[in-house]
Protein backbone atom coordinates (compact mmCIF):
# COMPACT_ATOMS: atom_id res chain seq x y z
CA MET A 1 66.65 67.72 -1.43
CA SER A 2 69.64 69.87 -2.32
CA TYR A 3 72.54 68.39 -4.23
CA TYR A 4 74.76 71.40 -3.64
CA ILE A 5 77.09 71.73 -0.66
CA GLU A 6 76.98 75.28 0.69
CA LYS A 7 80.16 77.00 1.90
CA GLN A 8 78.74 77.22 5.43
CA ASP A 9 78.70 73.40 5.50
CA TYR A 10 82.44 73.15 4.87
CA ARG A 11 84.61 71.79 7.67
CA ARG A 12 87.95 73.06 8.94
CA LEU A 13 90.71 70.57 8.18
CA GLY A 14 92.44 69.81 11.46
CA GLN A 15 94.19 72.86 12.91
CA SER A 16 94.63 74.49 9.49
CA ASP A 17 92.72 77.35 7.88
CA LEU A 18 91.63 75.06 5.03
CA LEU A 19 87.89 74.64 4.61
CA ILE A 20 86.83 71.48 2.84
CA SER A 21 83.52 69.99 1.80
CA PRO A 22 82.09 67.28 4.06
CA ILE A 23 81.90 64.99 1.01
CA THR A 24 85.04 63.96 -0.86
CA LEU A 25 85.26 62.83 -4.47
CA GLY A 26 87.08 59.49 -4.58
CA THR A 27 89.02 59.04 -7.80
CA MET A 28 90.58 55.59 -7.42
CA THR A 29 88.72 54.33 -10.50
CA PHE A 30 90.15 56.97 -12.84
CA GLY A 31 92.12 55.26 -15.61
CA GLU A 32 90.91 51.80 -14.62
CA GLN A 33 87.09 51.85 -14.66
CA ASN A 34 86.65 55.41 -15.94
CA THR A 35 88.06 57.04 -19.05
CA GLU A 36 89.65 60.47 -18.85
CA SER A 37 86.55 62.07 -20.38
CA GLU A 38 84.32 60.36 -17.79
CA ALA A 39 86.69 61.53 -15.04
CA PHE A 40 86.45 65.10 -16.37
CA LEU A 41 82.64 64.90 -16.20
CA GLN A 42 82.77 63.61 -12.62
CA LEU A 43 85.25 66.31 -11.56
CA ASP A 44 83.16 69.04 -13.23
CA TRP A 45 79.99 67.77 -11.53
CA ALA A 46 81.64 67.55 -8.10
CA ILE A 47 83.11 71.08 -8.27
CA SER A 48 79.87 72.55 -9.61
CA HIS A 49 78.02 71.02 -6.64
CA GLY A 50 80.33 72.36 -3.94
CA ILE A 51 82.71 69.43 -3.50
CA ASN A 52 86.23 70.82 -3.19
CA PHE A 53 88.15 67.85 -1.78
CA ILE A 54 89.50 65.13 -4.08
CA ASP A 55 90.90 61.85 -2.75
CA THR A 56 93.46 60.47 -5.20
CA ALA A 57 94.38 57.29 -3.29
CA GLU A 58 94.08 54.15 -5.42
CA MET A 59 94.70 51.58 -2.70
CA TYR A 60 91.24 50.80 -1.33
CA PRO A 61 89.95 47.85 -3.37
CA VAL A 62 93.19 46.13 -4.34
CA PRO A 63 96.91 46.76 -4.04
CA PRO A 64 98.06 49.35 -6.59
CA ARG A 65 99.02 48.09 -10.01
CA GLU A 66 102.09 49.31 -11.86
CA ASN A 67 100.12 50.10 -15.04
CA THR A 68 97.65 52.35 -13.19
CA PHE A 69 100.04 53.88 -10.66
CA THR A 70 99.72 57.72 -10.77
CA VAL A 71 97.10 57.63 -13.57
CA THR A 72 94.62 59.40 -11.29
CA GLU A 73 97.07 62.24 -10.66
CA THR A 74 97.81 62.47 -14.39
CA ILE A 75 94.10 62.72 -15.22
CA LEU A 76 93.63 65.31 -12.48
CA GLY A 77 96.53 67.31 -13.92
CA HIS A 78 94.98 67.17 -17.41
CA TRP A 79 91.66 68.35 -15.97
CA LEU A 80 93.34 71.21 -14.12
CA LYS A 81 95.13 72.25 -17.30
CA LYS A 82 91.86 72.13 -19.26
CA THR A 83 89.86 74.07 -16.66
CA LYS A 84 92.73 76.54 -16.05
CA GLU A 85 92.51 77.50 -12.38
CA ARG A 86 90.89 76.05 -9.26
CA THR A 87 91.73 78.20 -6.25
CA ASP A 88 89.41 76.49 -3.77
CA CYS A 89 90.04 72.82 -4.56
CA PHE A 90 92.19 70.40 -2.55
CA SER A 91 93.60 66.94 -3.15
CA ASP A 92 94.94 64.25 -0.85
CA GLN A 93 96.05 60.66 -0.72
CA SER A 94 94.43 58.76 2.12
CA CYS A 95 96.86 55.88 1.72
CA GLY A 96 100.57 56.13 1.10
CA THR A 97 102.24 59.50 1.48
CA LYS A 98 99.83 61.81 3.25
CA LYS A 99 99.80 65.18 1.63
CA ILE A 100 97.20 67.91 1.23
CA ILE A 101 97.74 69.96 -1.90
CA LYS A 102 95.92 73.20 -2.59
CA LEU A 103 95.17 73.18 -6.29
CA ASP A 104 95.70 76.89 -6.88
CA THR A 105 98.47 76.81 -9.43
CA GLN A 106 97.82 78.61 -12.70
CA TRP A 107 97.80 75.85 -15.30
CA THR A 108 98.84 76.71 -18.84
């Protein structure tokens, strides 16, 4: 059994030219049940196995809490800064403001 998602298995996102993995990494536990270093390990594993779509919504299990609001995005930003550049990685929020962001900014 392969644990790597091949590029030919990617799906077109709606009417766009964006190709995303059929499996998404959910990050709602970042900062609450996972430390930043654990989150970095999970992000590294996902990217190294072909997952290029990251769901940053934190509203599935419970309503959002003020003390964890935007922690996932902060951790993701720290990871992007540490890993420098991800030109084929995308992020979204499935709840709240819907936005697809291509993570192709050069982080310094």
